Amino acid sequence: MPYTIVFEARNTQGISAADATTANQALAIVGALQKASEEIKFIRSPQEGDIGVEMLRILAKEEEEEMPAALTNSL
């Protein structure tokens, strides 16, 4: 499921966005943005709508649990 992370870049005072194809990728982007002290405005997915970082963590965990099952079923 795709995710869009919208954030305000500290040095430019402008709004930017980053796209991710999985919750785990989105969580990695959020982590990097937080480490750089960028302000996350919102995270959006077509299926979930606007979500917060905690919900993204839950979705990433569910995604990790489903991945091994999906790999096993495809073999």
PDB file of N, CA and C in Angstrom:
ATOM      1  N   MET A   1       0.842  -1.163   0.000  1.00  0.00           N
ATOM      2  CA  MET A   1       0.000   0.000   0.000  1.00  0.00           C
ATOM      3  C   MET A   1       0.898   1.240   0.000  1.00  0.00           C
ATOM      4  N   PRO A   2       0.643   2.194  -0.853  1.00  0.00           N
ATOM      5  CA  PRO A   2       1.498   3.393  -0.917  1.00  0.00           C
ATOM      6  C   PRO A   2       1.211   4.372   0.225  1.00  0.00           C
ATOM      7  N   TYR A   3       2.233   5.124   0.574  1.00  0.00           N
ATOM      8  CA  TYR A   3       2.139   6.140   1.624  1.00  0.00           C
ATOM      9  C   TYR A   3       2.802   7.420   1.133  1.00  0.00           C
ATOM     10  N   THR A   4       2.271   8.548   1.554  1.00  0.00           N
ATOM     11  CA  THR A   4       2.878   9.841   1.285  1.00  0.00           C
ATOM     12  C   THR A   4       3.124  10.510   2.621  1.00  0.00           C
ATOM     13  N   ILE A   5       4.363  10.929   2.845  1.00  0.00           N
ATOM     14  CA  ILE A   5       4.750  11.623   4.066  1.00  0.00           C
ATOM     15  C   ILE A   5       4.961  13.086   3.700  1.00  0.00           C
ATOM     16  N   VAL A   6       4.177  13.964   4.285  1.00  0.00           N
ATOM     17  CA  VAL A   6       4.285  15.395   4.013  1.00  0.00           C
ATOM     18  C   VAL A   6       4.959  16.032   5.224  1.00  0.00           C
ATOM     19  N   PHE A   7       5.994  16.825   4.940  1.00  0.00           N
ATOM     20  CA  PHE A   7       6.767  17.416   6.023  1.00  0.00           C
ATOM     21  C   PHE A   7       7.214  18.824   5.659  1.00  0.00           C
ATOM     22  N   GLU A   8       7.571  19.570   6.698  1.00  0.00           N
ATOM     23  CA  GLU A   8       8.089  20.921   6.504  1.00  0.00           C
ATOM     24  C   GLU A   8       9.592  20.881   6.705  1.00  0.00           C
ATOM     25  N   ALA A   9      10.313  21.232   5.658  1.00  0.00           N
ATOM     26  CA  ALA A   9      11.769  21.239   5.732  1.00  0.00           C
ATOM     27  C   ALA A   9      12.220  22.421   6.589  1.00  0.00           C
ATOM     28  N   ARG A  10      12.974  22.128   7.594  1.00  0.00           N
ATOM     29  CA  ARG A  10      13.419  23.131   8.564  1.00  0.00           C
ATOM     30  C   ARG A  10      14.219  24.249   7.905  1.00  0.00           C
ATOM     31  N   ASN A  11      15.103  23.912   6.995  1.00  0.00           N
ATOM     32  CA  ASN A  11      15.992  24.916   6.401  1.00  0.00           C
ATOM     33  C   ASN A  11      15.346  25.746   5.292  1.00  0.00           C
ATOM     34  N   THR A  12      14.272  25.239   4.680  1.00  0.00           N
ATOM     35  CA  THR A  12      13.648  25.983   3.594  1.00  0.00           C
ATOM     36  C   THR A  12      12.277  26.539   3.956  1.00  0.00           C
ATOM     37  N   GLN A  13      11.739  26.110   5.078  1.00  0.00           N
ATOM     38  CA  GLN A  13      10.406  26.531   5.512  1.00  0.00           C
ATOM     39  C   GLN A  13       9.342  26.185   4.483  1.00  0.00           C
ATOM     40  N   GLY A  14       9.638  25.250   3.610  1.00  0.00           N
ATOM     41  CA  GLY A  14       8.678  24.836   2.594  1.00  0.00           C
ATOM     42  C   GLY A  14       8.123  23.459   2.901  1.00  0.00           C
ATOM     43  N   ILE A  15       7.000  23.156   2.290  1.00  0.00           N
ATOM     44  CA  ILE A  15       6.374  21.849   2.458  1.00  0.00           C
ATOM     45  C   ILE A  15       6.885  20.929   1.353  1.00  0.00           C
ATOM     46  N   SER A  16       7.268  19.723   1.750  1.00  0.00           N
ATOM     47  CA  SER A  16       7.744  18.716   0.808  1.00  0.00           C
ATOM     48  C   SER A  16       7.016  17.406   1.090  1.00  0.00           C
ATOM     49  N   ALA A  17       7.150  16.469   0.172  1.00  0.00           N
ATOM     50  CA  ALA A  17       6.530  15.156   0.352  1.00  0.00           C
ATOM     51  C   ALA A  17       7.486  14.073  -0.116  1.00  0.00           C
ATOM     52  N   ALA A  18       7.354  12.923   0.513  1.00  0.00           N
ATOM     53  CA  ALA A  18       8.118  11.745   0.119  1.00  0.00           C
ATOM     54  C   ALA A  18       7.128  10.594  -0.004  1.00  0.00           C
ATOM     55  N   ASP A  19       7.320   9.757  -1.005  1.00  0.00           N
ATOM     56  CA  ASP A  19       6.439   8.614  -1.223  1.00  0.00           C
ATOM     57  C   ASP A  19       7.157   7.319  -0.871  1.00  0.00           C
ATOM     58  N   ALA A  20       6.383   6.371  -0.359  1.00  0.00           N
ATOM     59  CA  ALA A  20       6.899   5.049  -0.023  1.00  0.00           C
ATOM     60  C   ALA A  20       5.880   4.015  -0.489  1.00  0.00           C
ATOM     61  N   THR A  21       6.355   2.847  -0.857  1.00  0.00           N
ATOM     62  CA  THR A  21       5.443   1.811  -1.335  1.00  0.00           C
ATOM     63  C   THR A  21       4.987   0.865  -0.229  1.00  0.00           C
ATOM     64  N   THR A  22       5.701   0.856   0.893  1.00  0.00           N
ATOM     65  CA  THR A  22       5.313  -0.005   2.012  1.00  0.00           C
ATOM     66  C   THR A  22       5.332   0.791   3.311  1.00  0.00           C
ATOM     67  N   ALA A  23       4.672   0.257   4.325  1.00  0.00           N
ATOM     68  CA  ALA A  23       4.668   0.903   5.638  1.00  0.00           C
ATOM     69  C   ALA A  23       6.075   0.928   6.224  1.00  0.00           C
ATOM     70  N   ASN A  24       6.848  -0.114   5.996  1.00  0.00           N
ATOM     71  CA  ASN A  24       8.221  -0.152   6.513  1.00  0.00           C
ATOM     72  C   ASN A  24       9.090   0.914   5.859  1.00  0.00           C
ATOM     73  N   GLN A  25       8.932   1.120   4.574  1.00  0.00           N
ATOM     74  CA  GLN A  25       9.668   2.187   3.898  1.00  0.00           C
ATOM     75  C   GLN A  25       9.241   3.550   4.428  1.00  0.00           C
ATOM     76  N   ALA A  26       7.940   3.728   4.609  1.00  0.00           N
ATOM     77  CA  ALA A  26       7.428   4.991   5.142  1.00  0.00           C
ATOM     78  C   ALA A  26       7.970   5.238   6.540  1.00  0.00           C
ATOM     79  N   LEU A  27       8.042   4.201   7.352  1.00  0.00           N
ATOM     80  CA  LEU A  27       8.566   4.329   8.711  1.00  0.00           C
ATOM     81  C   LEU A  27      10.041   4.709   8.690  1.00  0.00           C
ATOM     82  N   ALA A  28      10.801   4.168   7.750  1.00  0.00           N
ATOM     83  CA  ALA A  28      12.211   4.532   7.606  1.00  0.00           C
ATOM     84  C   ALA A  28      12.354   6.002   7.212  1.00  0.00           C
ATOM     85  N   ILE A  29      11.503   6.462   6.315  1.00  0.00           N
ATOM     86  CA  ILE A  29      11.535   7.865   5.911  1.00  0.00           C
ATOM     87  C   ILE A  29      11.185   8.764   7.092  1.00  0.00           C
ATOM     88  N   VAL A  30      10.147   8.397   7.836  1.00  0.00           N
ATOM     89  CA  VAL A  30       9.744   9.173   9.014  1.00  0.00           C
ATOM     90  C   VAL A  30      10.894   9.240  10.015  1.00  0.00           C
ATOM     91  N   GLY A  31      11.559   8.113  10.230  1.00  0.00           N
ATOM     92  CA  GLY A  31      12.700   8.085  11.156  1.00  0.00           C
ATOM     93  C   GLY A  31      13.810   9.030  10.721  1.00  0.00           C
ATOM     94  N   ALA A  32      14.114   9.023   9.434  1.00  0.00           N
ATOM     95  CA  ALA A  32      15.161   9.914   8.920  1.00  0.00           C
ATOM     96  C   ALA A  32      14.747  11.376   9.052  1.00  0.00           C
ATOM     97  N   LEU A  33      13.485  11.663   8.779  1.00  0.00           N
ATOM     98  CA  LEU A  33      13.003  13.038   8.908  1.00  0.00           C
ATOM     99  C   LEU A  33      13.035  13.505  10.360  1.00  0.00           C
ATOM    100  N   GLN A  34      12.646  12.635  11.267  1.00  0.00           N
ATOM    101  CA  GLN A  34      12.664  12.996  12.682  1.00  0.00           C
ATOM    102  C   GLN A  34      14.092  13.208  13.165  1.00  0.00           C
ATOM    103  N   LYS A  35      15.006  12.389  12.684  1.00  0.00           N
ATOM    104  CA  LYS A  35      16.408  12.527  13.069  1.00  0.00           C
ATOM    105  C   LYS A  35      16.976  13.863  12.589  1.00  0.00           C
ATOM    106  N   ALA A  36      16.487  14.331  11.445  1.00  0.00           N
ATOM    107  CA  ALA A  36      16.933  15.610  10.884  1.00  0.00           C
ATOM    108  C   ALA A  36      16.112  16.781  11.430  1.00  0.00           C
ATOM    109  N   SER A  37      15.275  16.512  12.403  1.00  0.00           N
ATOM    110  CA  SER A  37      14.424  17.532  13.042  1.00  0.00           C
ATOM    111  C   SER A  37      13.445  18.192  12.079  1.00  0.00           C
ATOM    112  N   GLU A  38      12.992  17.453  11.084  1.00  0.00           N
ATOM    113  CA  GLU A  38      11.976  17.966  10.168  1.00  0.00           C
ATOM    114  C   GLU A  38      10.607  17.737  10.805  1.00  0.00           C
ATOM    115  N   GLU A  39       9.675  18.646  10.581  1.00  0.00           N
ATOM    116  CA  GLU A  39       8.339  18.528  11.164  1.00  0.00           C
ATOM    117  C   GLU A  39       7.425  17.775  10.209  1.00  0.00           C
ATOM    118  N   ILE A  40       6.932  16.627  10.652  1.00  0.00           N
ATOM    119  CA  ILE A  40       6.025  15.835   9.836  1.00  0.00           C
ATOM    120  C   ILE A  40       4.626  16.430   9.982  1.00  0.00           C
ATOM    121  N   LYS A  41       4.056  16.820   8.863  1.00  0.00           N
ATOM    122  CA  LYS A  41       2.719  17.417   8.860  1.00  0.00           C
ATOM    123  C   LYS A  41       1.644  16.334   8.895  1.00  0.00           C
ATOM    124  N   PHE A  42       1.767  15.345   8.009  1.00  0.00           N
ATOM    125  CA  PHE A  42       0.833  14.223   8.030  1.00  0.00           C
ATOM    126  C   PHE A  42       1.375  13.090   7.175  1.00  0.00           C
ATOM    127  N   ILE A  43       0.805  11.913   7.402  1.00  0.00           N
ATOM    128  CA  ILE A  43       1.112  10.719   6.623  1.00  0.00           C
ATOM    129  C   ILE A  43      -0.222  10.266   6.043  1.00  0.00           C
ATOM    130  N   ARG A  44      -0.231   9.965   4.775  1.00  0.00           N
ATOM    131  CA  ARG A  44      -1.502   9.614   4.123  1.00  0.00           C
ATOM    132  C   ARG A  44      -1.327   8.351   3.287  1.00  0.00           C
ATOM    133  N   SER A  45      -2.349   7.519   3.333  1.00  0.00           N
ATOM    134  CA  SER A  45      -2.410   6.369   2.430  1.00  0.00           C
ATOM    135  C   SER A  45      -3.811   6.323   1.844  1.00  0.00           C
ATOM    136  N   PRO A  46      -3.959   5.840   0.618  1.00  0.00           N
ATOM    137  CA  PRO A  46      -5.283   5.789  -0.001  1.00  0.00           C
ATOM    138  C   PRO A  46      -6.281   4.938   0.801  1.00  0.00           C
ATOM    139  N   GLN A  47      -5.790   3.883   1.404  1.00  0.00           N
ATOM    140  CA  GLN A  47      -6.676   2.968   2.126  1.00  0.00           C
ATOM    141  C   GLN A  47      -6.999   3.463   3.535  1.00  0.00           C
ATOM    142  N   GLU A  48      -6.014   4.024   4.241  1.00  0.00           N
ATOM    143  CA  GLU A  48      -6.196   4.426   5.636  1.00  0.00           C
ATOM    144  C   GLU A  48      -6.547   5.900   5.805  1.00  0.00           C
ATOM    145  N   GLY A  49      -6.287   6.726   4.809  1.00  0.00           N
ATOM    146  CA  GLY A  49      -6.473   8.165   4.951  1.00  0.00           C
ATOM    147  C   GLY A  49      -5.288   8.762   5.693  1.00  0.00           C
ATOM    148  N   ASP A  50      -5.521   9.826   6.444  1.00  0.00           N
ATOM    149  CA  ASP A  50      -4.449  10.452   7.226  1.00  0.00           C
ATOM    150  C   ASP A  50      -4.214   9.636   8.496  1.00  0.00           C
ATOM    151  N   ILE A  51      -2.941   9.337   8.749  1.00  0.00           N
ATOM    152  CA  ILE A  51      -2.586   8.552   9.935  1.00  0.00           C
ATOM    153  C   ILE A  51      -1.409   9.222  10.634  1.00  0.00           C
ATOM    154  N   GLY A  52      -1.188   8.831  11.864  1.00  0.00           N
ATOM    155  CA  GLY A  52      -0.051   9.322  12.624  1.00  0.00           C
ATOM    156  C   GLY A  52       1.085   8.324  12.618  1.00  0.00           C
ATOM    157  N   VAL A  53       2.166   8.695  13.250  1.00  0.00           N
ATOM    158  CA  VAL A  53       3.354   7.845  13.285  1.00  0.00           C
ATOM    159  C   VAL A  53       3.064   6.541  14.031  1.00  0.00           C
ATOM    160  N   GLU A  54       2.313   6.618  15.125  1.00  0.00           N
ATOM    161  CA  GLU A  54       2.008   5.397  15.884  1.00  0.00           C
ATOM    162  C   GLU A  54       1.208   4.400  15.042  1.00  0.00           C
ATOM    163  N   MET A  55       0.232   4.890  14.302  1.00  0.00           N
ATOM    164  CA  MET A  55      -0.547   4.010  13.428  1.00  0.00           C
ATOM    165  C   MET A  55       0.346   3.435  12.338  1.00  0.00           C
ATOM    166  N   LEU A  56       1.268   4.224  11.824  1.00  0.00           N
ATOM    167  CA  LEU A  56       2.204   3.734  10.815  1.00  0.00           C
ATOM    168  C   LEU A  56       3.052   2.607  11.388  1.00  0.00           C
ATOM    169  N   ARG A  57       3.464   2.740  12.636  1.00  0.00           N
ATOM    170  CA  ARG A  57       4.235   1.668  13.281  1.00  0.00           C
ATOM    171  C   ARG A  57       3.417   0.382  13.368  1.00  0.00           C
ATOM    172  N   ILE A  58       2.158   0.508  13.711  1.00  0.00           N
ATOM    173  CA  ILE A  58       1.281  -0.671  13.787  1.00  0.00           C
ATOM    174  C   ILE A  58       1.144  -1.315  12.411  1.00  0.00           C
ATOM    175  N   LEU A  59       0.925  -0.496  11.401  1.00  0.00           N
ATOM    176  CA  LEU A  59       0.793  -1.023  10.034  1.00  0.00           C
ATOM    177  C   LEU A  59       2.084  -1.687   9.566  1.00  0.00           C
ATOM    178  N   ALA A  60       3.223  -1.109   9.923  1.00  0.00           N
ATOM    179  CA  ALA A  60       4.513  -1.703   9.546  1.00  0.00           C
ATOM    180  C   ALA A  60       4.697  -3.055  10.227  1.00  0.00           C
ATOM    181  N   LYS A  61       4.293  -3.147  11.477  1.00  0.00           N
ATOM    182  CA  LYS A  61       4.413  -4.419  12.203  1.00  0.00           C
ATOM    183  C   LYS A  61       3.509  -5.478  11.566  1.00  0.00           C
ATOM    184  N   GLU A  62       2.284  -5.090  11.241  1.00  0.00           N
ATOM    185  CA  GLU A  62       1.367  -6.020  10.568  1.00  0.00           C
ATOM    186  C   GLU A  62       1.928  -6.450   9.215  1.00  0.00           C
ATOM    187  N   GLU A  63       2.525  -5.506   8.516  1.00  0.00           N
ATOM    188  CA  GLU A  63       3.123  -5.794   7.213  1.00  0.00           C
ATOM    189  C   GLU A  63       4.243  -6.828   7.357  1.00  0.00           C
ATOM    190  N   GLU A  64       5.089  -6.664   8.375  1.00  0.00           N
ATOM    191  CA  GLU A  64       6.183  -7.609   8.611  1.00  0.00           C
ATOM    192  C   GLU A  64       5.645  -9.001   8.912  1.00  0.00           C
ATOM    193  N   GLU A  65       4.554  -9.069   9.680  1.00  0.00           N
ATOM    194  CA  GLU A  65       3.969 -10.364  10.029  1.00  0.00           C
ATOM    195  C   GLU A  65       3.361 -11.049   8.819  1.00  0.00           C
ATOM    196  N   GLU A  66       2.828 -10.258   7.878  1.00  0.00           N
ATOM    197  CA  GLU A  66       2.204 -10.818   6.688  1.00  0.00           C
ATOM    198  C   GLU A  66       3.210 -11.219   5.618  1.00  0.00           C
ATOM    199  N   MET A  67       4.364 -10.558   5.580  1.00  0.00           N
ATOM    200  CA  MET A  67       5.350 -10.816   4.532  1.00  0.00           C
ATOM    201  C   MET A  67       5.836 -12.265   4.512  1.00  0.00           C
ATOM    202  N   PRO A  68       6.264 -12.846   5.639  1.00  0.00           N
ATOM    203  CA  PRO A  68       6.709 -14.247   5.578  1.00  0.00           C
ATOM    204  C   PRO A  68       5.610 -15.173   5.093  1.00  0.00           C
ATOM    205  N   ALA A  69       4.371 -14.934   5.499  1.00  0.00           N
ATOM    206  CA  ALA A  69       3.250 -15.771   5.056  1.00  0.00           C
ATOM    207  C   ALA A  69       3.049 -15.626   3.557  1.00  0.00           C
ATOM    208  N   ALA A  70       3.175 -14.420   3.037  1.00  0.00           N
ATOM    209  CA  ALA A  70       3.003 -14.202   1.606  1.00  0.00           C
ATOM    210  C   ALA A  70       4.124 -14.881   0.813  1.00  0.00           C
ATOM    211  N   LEU A  71       5.346 -14.832   1.339  1.00  0.00           N
ATOM    212  CA  LEU A  71       6.472 -15.489   0.673  1.00  0.00           C
ATOM    213  C   LEU A  71       6.297 -17.003   0.684  1.00  0.00           C
ATOM    214  N   THR A  72       5.858 -17.547   1.795  1.00  0.00           N
ATOM    215  CA  THR A  72       5.644 -18.995   1.908  1.00  0.00           C
ATOM    216  C   THR A  72       4.557 -19.449   0.957  1.00  0.00           C
ATOM    217  N   ASN A  73       3.482 -18.694   0.877  1.00  0.00           N
ATOM    218  CA  ASN A  73       2.362 -19.069  -0.003  1.00  0.00           C
ATOM    219  C   ASN A  73       2.725 -18.963  -1.472  1.00  0.00           C
ATOM    220  N   SER A  74       3.676 -18.120  -1.826  1.00  0.00           N
ATOM    221  CA  SER A  74       4.031 -17.961  -3.237  1.00  0.00           C
ATOM    222  C   SER A  74       5.016 -19.029  -3.707  1.00  0.00           C
ATOM    223  N   LEU A  75       5.602 -19.787  -2.794  1.00  0.00           N
ATOM    224  CA  LEU A  75       6.572 -20.808  -3.187  1.00  0.00           C
ATOM    225  C   LEU A  75       5.930 -22.069  -3.586  1.00  0.00           C
TER     226      LEU A  75
END
